[in-house]
Amino acid sequence: MLADRGYYNRDEVLACEGTGIQPCIPKTQKSVNAKRGLFAVADFVYDPDNDRYTCPAGEHPSRGKVRSDRRQDIDHYRNLTACATCALKACMATTHLLTRTLEKVRLEMALSVLAYNLKRMVNIFGVRPLMNAITS
């Protein structure tokens, strides 16, 4: 059973037990950043040897102010120079449309939706199965 994030319930998953069906369900996103087209914490890779994070664009945000959420202190990271010109934020239509006229805007949105769907497929299936499906 393959389930899309948010479109399944506990009873459906429990019904798979004992039938030999392996549920494959992506982890539910709790971050509002992903819903707004921004990167979530899970998108950043921590390097403990250098005590730094790497964003999906390969940049290294620096540690800023520490804030508290009443339970613990939270480190705040940012790279204003890299983030302002980041192509990965713009590729998912989180900025204004870059083209004019209805025909060009339709094409821009179609490409954006295609990129979104490909990104979802890679996150669900991984890169290797997707490449096998494309080349066969």
N, C-alpha and C. Protein backbone atom coordinates (compact mmCIF):
# COMPACT_ATOMS: atom_id res chain seq x y z
N MET A 1 0.85 -1.18 0.00
CA MET A 1 0.00 0.00 0.00
C MET A 1 0.89 1.23 0.00
N LEU A 2 0.66 2.13 -0.90
CA LEU A 2 1.37 3.40 -0.98
C LEU A 2 0.36 4.49 -0.67
N ALA A 3 0.66 5.30 0.34
CA ALA A 3 -0.27 6.35 0.75
C ALA A 3 0.39 7.71 0.61
N ASP A 4 -0.38 8.67 0.15
CA ASP A 4 0.10 10.04 0.08
C ASP A 4 0.01 10.65 1.47
N ARG A 5 0.92 11.55 1.77
CA ARG A 5 0.96 12.18 3.09
C ARG A 5 -0.37 12.84 3.40
N GLY A 6 -1.00 12.43 4.49
CA GLY A 6 -2.24 13.07 4.93
C GLY A 6 -3.50 12.43 4.38
N TYR A 7 -3.38 11.47 3.43
CA TYR A 7 -4.56 10.86 2.84
C TYR A 7 -4.66 9.38 3.22
N TYR A 8 -4.53 9.10 4.47
CA TYR A 8 -4.71 7.76 4.98
C TYR A 8 -5.17 7.89 6.42
N ASN A 9 -5.66 6.78 6.97
CA ASN A 9 -6.02 6.82 8.38
C ASN A 9 -5.50 5.56 9.07
N ARG A 10 -5.58 5.56 10.37
CA ARG A 10 -5.02 4.49 11.19
C ARG A 10 -5.64 3.13 10.85
N ASP A 11 -6.95 3.12 10.61
CA ASP A 11 -7.64 1.86 10.32
C ASP A 11 -7.13 1.22 9.03
N GLU A 12 -6.84 2.03 8.01
CA GLU A 12 -6.32 1.49 6.75
C GLU A 12 -4.94 0.88 6.94
N VAL A 13 -4.11 1.52 7.75
CA VAL A 13 -2.77 0.98 8.01
C VAL A 13 -2.87 -0.31 8.81
N LEU A 14 -3.72 -0.33 9.84
CA LEU A 14 -3.88 -1.54 10.65
C LEU A 14 -4.45 -2.70 9.84
N ALA A 15 -5.29 -2.41 8.84
CA ALA A 15 -5.87 -3.45 8.00
C ALA A 15 -4.80 -4.16 7.17
N CYS A 16 -3.67 -3.51 6.94
CA CYS A 16 -2.59 -4.12 6.17
C CYS A 16 -1.84 -5.18 6.98
N GLU A 17 -1.86 -5.05 8.30
CA GLU A 17 -1.14 -6.01 9.15
C GLU A 17 -1.72 -7.40 8.96
N GLY A 18 -0.85 -8.36 8.81
CA GLY A 18 -1.27 -9.74 8.69
C GLY A 18 -1.69 -10.14 7.28
N THR A 19 -1.73 -9.21 6.36
CA THR A 19 -2.12 -9.53 4.98
C THR A 19 -0.92 -9.63 4.05
N GLY A 20 0.26 -9.32 4.57
CA GLY A 20 1.45 -9.34 3.74
C GLY A 20 1.68 -8.05 2.97
N ILE A 21 0.83 -7.06 3.19
CA ILE A 21 0.99 -5.77 2.52
C ILE A 21 1.85 -4.87 3.40
N GLN A 22 2.89 -4.31 2.81
CA GLN A 22 3.78 -3.41 3.54
C GLN A 22 3.36 -1.97 3.29
N PRO A 23 2.83 -1.27 4.31
CA PRO A 23 2.47 0.14 4.10
C PRO A 23 3.71 0.99 3.85
N CYS A 24 3.64 1.88 2.89
CA CYS A 24 4.72 2.81 2.59
C CYS A 24 4.12 4.21 2.65
N ILE A 25 4.34 4.87 3.79
CA ILE A 25 3.71 6.16 4.04
C ILE A 25 4.78 7.16 4.41
N PRO A 26 4.87 8.29 3.72
CA PRO A 26 5.87 9.30 4.08
C PRO A 26 5.55 9.93 5.42
N LYS A 27 6.60 10.35 6.11
CA LYS A 27 6.44 10.99 7.41
C LYS A 27 5.63 12.28 7.26
N THR A 28 4.70 12.49 8.16
CA THR A 28 3.86 13.69 8.12
C THR A 28 4.71 14.92 8.42
N GLN A 29 4.52 15.95 7.62
CA GLN A 29 5.25 17.20 7.84
C GLN A 29 4.52 18.04 8.86
N LYS A 30 5.26 18.46 9.88
CA LYS A 30 4.66 19.31 10.92
C LYS A 30 5.04 20.77 10.73
N SER A 31 6.03 21.02 9.91
CA SER A 31 6.52 22.38 9.72
C SER A 31 5.61 23.18 8.80
N VAL A 32 5.29 24.40 9.22
CA VAL A 32 4.51 25.27 8.35
C VAL A 32 5.38 25.85 7.23
N ASN A 33 6.70 25.78 7.38
CA ASN A 33 7.59 26.29 6.34
C ASN A 33 7.40 25.54 5.04
N ALA A 34 7.28 24.22 5.10
CA ALA A 34 7.11 23.43 3.88
C ALA A 34 5.80 23.79 3.19
N LYS A 35 4.77 24.07 3.95
CA LYS A 35 3.49 24.44 3.35
C LYS A 35 3.56 25.81 2.68
N ARG A 36 4.50 26.65 3.12
CA ARG A 36 4.67 27.97 2.53
C ARG A 36 5.71 27.98 1.42
N GLY A 37 6.23 26.79 1.07
CA GLY A 37 7.22 26.71 0.00
C GLY A 37 8.64 26.95 0.46
N LEU A 38 8.86 26.98 1.78
CA LEU A 38 10.20 27.17 2.33
C LEU A 38 10.77 25.83 2.75
N PHE A 39 12.05 25.79 3.05
CA PHE A 39 12.67 24.56 3.51
C PHE A 39 12.30 24.29 4.96
N ALA A 40 12.15 23.02 5.32
CA ALA A 40 11.88 22.61 6.69
C ALA A 40 13.20 22.16 7.32
N VAL A 41 13.19 21.94 8.61
CA VAL A 41 14.39 21.52 9.33
C VAL A 41 14.95 20.23 8.75
N ALA A 42 14.08 19.32 8.33
CA ALA A 42 14.53 18.04 7.80
C ALA A 42 15.32 18.18 6.49
N ASP A 43 15.21 19.31 5.82
CA ASP A 43 15.93 19.54 4.57
C ASP A 43 17.40 19.91 4.78
N PHE A 44 17.77 20.26 6.01
CA PHE A 44 19.13 20.67 6.33
C PHE A 44 19.91 19.50 6.91
N VAL A 45 21.19 19.40 6.53
CA VAL A 45 22.06 18.31 6.99
C VAL A 45 23.06 18.90 7.98
N TYR A 46 23.13 18.27 9.16
CA TYR A 46 24.06 18.74 10.19
C TYR A 46 25.39 18.01 10.08
N ASP A 47 26.48 18.76 10.12
CA ASP A 47 27.83 18.22 10.10
C ASP A 47 28.42 18.40 11.50
N PRO A 48 28.44 17.34 12.33
CA PRO A 48 28.91 17.50 13.71
C PRO A 48 30.40 17.81 13.80
N ASP A 49 31.21 17.37 12.82
CA ASP A 49 32.64 17.64 12.87
C ASP A 49 32.94 19.14 12.76
N ASN A 50 32.17 19.83 11.93
CA ASN A 50 32.37 21.28 11.75
C ASN A 50 31.34 22.11 12.49
N ASP A 51 30.40 21.46 13.18
CA ASP A 51 29.33 22.12 13.93
C ASP A 51 28.61 23.15 13.05
N ARG A 52 28.10 22.66 11.90
CA ARG A 52 27.37 23.54 11.00
C ARG A 52 26.35 22.75 10.20
N TYR A 53 25.39 23.46 9.66
CA TYR A 53 24.36 22.88 8.82
C TYR A 53 24.65 23.20 7.36
N THR A 54 24.14 22.37 6.46
CA THR A 54 24.21 22.63 5.03
C THR A 54 22.78 22.62 4.49
N CYS A 55 22.41 23.67 3.78
CA CYS A 55 21.06 23.77 3.23
C CYS A 55 20.99 22.97 1.93
N PRO A 56 19.79 22.75 1.37
CA PRO A 56 19.68 22.00 0.11
C PRO A 56 20.43 22.64 -1.07
N ALA A 57 20.70 23.93 -0.98
CA ALA A 57 21.45 24.61 -2.05
C ALA A 57 22.96 24.51 -1.85
N GLY A 58 23.40 23.85 -0.76
CA GLY A 58 24.83 23.69 -0.50
C GLY A 58 25.46 24.82 0.28
N GLU A 59 24.67 25.77 0.72
CA GLU A 59 25.19 26.90 1.50
C GLU A 59 25.22 26.54 2.99
N HIS A 60 26.00 27.31 3.75
CA HIS A 60 26.13 27.07 5.19
C HIS A 60 25.60 28.27 5.96
N PRO A 61 24.40 28.16 6.52
CA PRO A 61 23.89 29.27 7.33
C PRO A 61 24.70 29.40 8.62
N SER A 62 24.82 30.63 9.10
CA SER A 62 25.56 30.85 10.34
C SER A 62 24.59 30.97 11.51
N ARG A 63 25.09 30.66 12.68
CA ARG A 63 24.27 30.69 13.89
C ARG A 63 24.01 32.14 14.29
N GLY A 64 22.76 32.44 14.52
CA GLY A 64 22.37 33.79 14.93
C GLY A 64 21.94 33.81 16.38
N LYS A 65 20.91 34.59 16.66
CA LYS A 65 20.41 34.72 18.02
C LYS A 65 19.82 33.40 18.52
N VAL A 66 19.92 33.19 19.81
CA VAL A 66 19.28 32.05 20.45
C VAL A 66 17.97 32.54 21.02
N ARG A 67 16.90 31.80 20.76
CA ARG A 67 15.60 32.18 21.31
C ARG A 67 15.05 31.01 22.11
N SER A 68 14.05 31.26 22.89
CA SER A 68 13.48 30.24 23.75
C SER A 68 12.02 30.03 23.41
N ASP A 69 11.57 28.77 23.47
CA ASP A 69 10.16 28.48 23.27
C ASP A 69 9.51 28.01 24.58
N ARG A 70 10.07 28.43 25.68
CA ARG A 70 9.62 28.12 27.05
C ARG A 70 9.97 26.71 27.51
N ARG A 71 10.39 25.85 26.61
CA ARG A 71 10.83 24.51 26.99
C ARG A 71 12.33 24.37 26.83
N GLN A 72 12.87 24.98 25.78
CA GLN A 72 14.30 24.86 25.50
C GLN A 72 14.74 26.04 24.65
N ASP A 73 16.05 26.23 24.61
CA ASP A 73 16.60 27.27 23.73
C ASP A 73 16.68 26.73 22.31
N ILE A 74 16.39 27.60 21.34
CA ILE A 74 16.41 27.22 19.94
C ILE A 74 17.44 28.10 19.23
N ASP A 75 18.38 27.44 18.54
CA ASP A 75 19.37 28.18 17.76
C ASP A 75 18.71 28.65 16.47
N HIS A 76 19.04 29.86 16.07
CA HIS A 76 18.49 30.45 14.86
C HIS A 76 19.63 30.58 13.85
N TYR A 77 19.47 29.99 12.66
CA TYR A 77 20.49 30.02 11.62
C TYR A 77 19.98 30.79 10.41
N ARG A 78 20.90 31.48 9.73
CA ARG A 78 20.53 32.18 8.51
C ARG A 78 21.78 32.56 7.71
N ASN A 79 21.56 32.77 6.42
CA ASN A 79 22.60 33.26 5.53
C ASN A 79 21.91 34.24 4.59
N LEU A 80 21.85 35.49 5.00
CA LEU A 80 21.07 36.48 4.26
C LEU A 80 21.55 36.66 2.83
N THR A 81 22.84 36.61 2.61
CA THR A 81 23.37 36.80 1.27
C THR A 81 22.96 35.66 0.35
N ALA A 82 23.14 34.43 0.80
CA ALA A 82 22.82 33.27 -0.04
C ALA A 82 21.30 33.12 -0.20
N CYS A 83 20.55 33.34 0.86
CA CYS A 83 19.09 33.14 0.79
C CYS A 83 18.41 34.13 -0.15
N ALA A 84 18.92 35.34 -0.21
CA ALA A 84 18.29 36.36 -1.04
C ALA A 84 18.39 36.05 -2.53
N THR A 85 19.42 35.31 -2.93
CA THR A 85 19.62 35.00 -4.34
C THR A 85 19.47 33.50 -4.63
N CYS A 86 18.88 32.76 -3.72
CA CYS A 86 18.78 31.30 -3.84
C CYS A 86 17.82 30.91 -4.97
N ALA A 87 18.33 30.11 -5.92
CA ALA A 87 17.50 29.64 -7.03
C ALA A 87 16.50 28.58 -6.58
N LEU A 88 16.80 27.83 -5.50
CA LEU A 88 15.89 26.78 -5.02
C LEU A 88 14.63 27.42 -4.38
N LYS A 89 14.65 28.51 -3.85
CA LYS A 89 13.38 29.08 -3.35
C LYS A 89 12.51 29.49 -4.51
N ALA A 90 13.14 30.07 -5.57
CA ALA A 90 12.37 30.57 -6.71
C ALA A 90 11.83 29.45 -7.59
N CYS A 91 12.47 28.26 -7.58
CA CYS A 91 12.05 27.22 -8.52
C CYS A 91 10.69 26.63 -8.18
N MET A 92 10.20 26.77 -6.98
CA MET A 92 8.90 26.21 -6.63
C MET A 92 7.82 27.29 -6.56
N ALA A 93 7.98 28.34 -7.33
CA ALA A 93 6.99 29.41 -7.46
C ALA A 93 6.67 30.09 -6.14
N THR A 94 7.70 30.27 -5.29
CA THR A 94 7.48 30.98 -4.05
C THR A 94 7.73 32.47 -4.21
N THR A 95 8.09 32.87 -5.41
CA THR A 95 8.24 34.29 -5.71
C THR A 95 7.16 34.67 -6.71
N HIS A 96 7.12 35.92 -7.11
CA HIS A 96 6.16 36.33 -8.14
C HIS A 96 6.51 35.63 -9.45
N LEU A 97 5.53 35.51 -10.31
CA LEU A 97 5.79 34.91 -11.61
C LEU A 97 6.78 35.77 -12.39
N LEU A 98 7.64 35.12 -13.13
CA LEU A 98 8.72 35.82 -13.81
C LEU A 98 8.36 36.19 -15.25
N THR A 99 7.24 35.70 -15.74
CA THR A 99 6.87 35.96 -17.13
C THR A 99 5.62 36.83 -17.22
N ARG A 100 5.36 37.30 -18.43
CA ARG A 100 4.16 38.09 -18.71
C ARG A 100 3.36 37.40 -19.80
N THR A 101 2.15 37.73 -19.93
CA THR A 101 1.14 37.20 -20.86
C THR A 101 0.65 35.84 -20.36
N LEU A 102 -0.62 35.58 -20.62
CA LEU A 102 -1.28 34.38 -20.12
C LEU A 102 -0.61 33.10 -20.62
N GLU A 103 -0.22 33.08 -21.89
CA GLU A 103 0.42 31.89 -22.46
C GLU A 103 1.72 31.55 -21.74
N LYS A 104 2.56 32.56 -21.51
CA LYS A 104 3.84 32.32 -20.84
C LYS A 104 3.67 31.97 -19.37
N VAL A 105 2.69 32.59 -18.70
CA VAL A 105 2.42 32.28 -17.30
C VAL A 105 1.92 30.85 -17.16
N ARG A 106 1.07 30.41 -18.10
CA ARG A 106 0.60 29.02 -18.09
C ARG A 106 1.77 28.05 -18.21
N LEU A 107 2.70 28.35 -19.10
CA LEU A 107 3.87 27.49 -19.28
C LEU A 107 4.73 27.50 -18.00
N GLU A 108 4.94 28.68 -17.43
CA GLU A 108 5.74 28.78 -16.20
C GLU A 108 5.11 27.97 -15.06
N MET A 109 3.79 28.06 -14.92
CA MET A 109 3.10 27.31 -13.87
C MET A 109 3.15 25.82 -14.16
N ALA A 110 3.00 25.42 -15.42
CA ALA A 110 3.07 24.00 -15.77
C ALA A 110 4.44 23.43 -15.43
N LEU A 111 5.50 24.17 -15.72
CA LEU A 111 6.85 23.72 -15.38
C LEU A 111 7.05 23.65 -13.87
N SER A 112 6.49 24.61 -13.15
CA SER A 112 6.59 24.62 -11.69
C SER A 112 5.88 23.41 -11.09
N VAL A 113 4.70 23.10 -11.60
CA VAL A 113 3.95 21.94 -11.10
C VAL A 113 4.68 20.64 -11.45
N LEU A 114 5.25 20.56 -12.65
CA LEU A 114 6.03 19.39 -13.04
C LEU A 114 7.22 19.21 -12.10
N ALA A 115 7.93 20.29 -11.81
CA ALA A 115 9.07 20.22 -10.89
C ALA A 115 8.63 19.76 -9.50
N TYR A 116 7.49 20.27 -9.04
CA TYR A 116 6.96 19.87 -7.74
C TYR A 116 6.64 18.37 -7.72
N ASN A 117 5.99 17.88 -8.78
CA ASN A 117 5.62 16.47 -8.84
C ASN A 117 6.85 15.56 -8.92
N LEU A 118 7.85 15.97 -9.69
CA LEU A 118 9.09 15.19 -9.75
C LEU A 118 9.79 15.16 -8.40
N LYS A 119 9.81 16.29 -7.71
CA LYS A 119 10.42 16.34 -6.38
C LYS A 119 9.68 15.42 -5.42
N ARG A 120 8.35 15.37 -5.50
CA ARG A 120 7.56 14.48 -4.64
C ARG A 120 7.88 13.02 -4.95
N MET A 121 7.99 12.68 -6.23
CA MET A 121 8.28 11.29 -6.61
C MET A 121 9.66 10.87 -6.11
N VAL A 122 10.63 11.76 -6.21
CA VAL A 122 11.97 11.43 -5.71
C VAL A 122 11.93 11.24 -4.20
N ASN A 123 11.17 12.07 -3.49
CA ASN A 123 11.07 11.92 -2.03
C ASN A 123 10.36 10.64 -1.64
N ILE A 124 9.40 10.20 -2.44
CA ILE A 124 8.64 8.99 -2.11
C ILE A 124 9.40 7.73 -2.53
N PHE A 125 9.88 7.69 -3.77
CA PHE A 125 10.47 6.47 -4.32
C PHE A 125 11.99 6.46 -4.30
N GLY A 126 12.62 7.60 -4.21
CA GLY A 126 14.07 7.68 -4.31
C GLY A 126 14.48 7.95 -5.74
N VAL A 127 15.73 8.29 -5.95
CA VAL A 127 16.21 8.67 -7.27
C VAL A 127 16.37 7.47 -8.18
N ARG A 128 16.93 6.37 -7.68
CA ARG A 128 17.24 5.23 -8.55
C ARG A 128 16.00 4.62 -9.19
N PRO A 129 14.91 4.32 -8.45
CA PRO A 129 13.71 3.78 -9.13
C PRO A 129 13.12 4.75 -10.14
N LEU A 130 13.18 6.05 -9.86
CA LEU A 130 12.65 7.03 -10.80
C LEU A 130 13.48 7.04 -12.08
N MET A 131 14.80 6.98 -11.96
CA MET A 131 15.65 6.97 -13.15
C MET A 131 15.44 5.69 -13.96
N ASN A 132 15.22 4.55 -13.29
CA ASN A 132 14.95 3.30 -14.00
C ASN A 132 13.66 3.40 -14.79
N ALA A 133 12.63 4.04 -14.23
CA ALA A 133 11.36 4.18 -14.93
C ALA A 133 11.49 5.10 -16.14
N ILE A 134 12.31 6.13 -16.03
CA ILE A 134 12.50 7.08 -17.14
C ILE A 134 13.28 6.44 -18.29
N THR A 135 14.31 5.66 -17.96
CA THR A 135 15.18 5.12 -19.01
C THR A 135 14.66 3.83 -19.62
N SER A 136 13.66 3.21 -19.03
CA SER A 136 13.16 1.95 -19.60
C SER A 136 12.03 2.16 -20.57
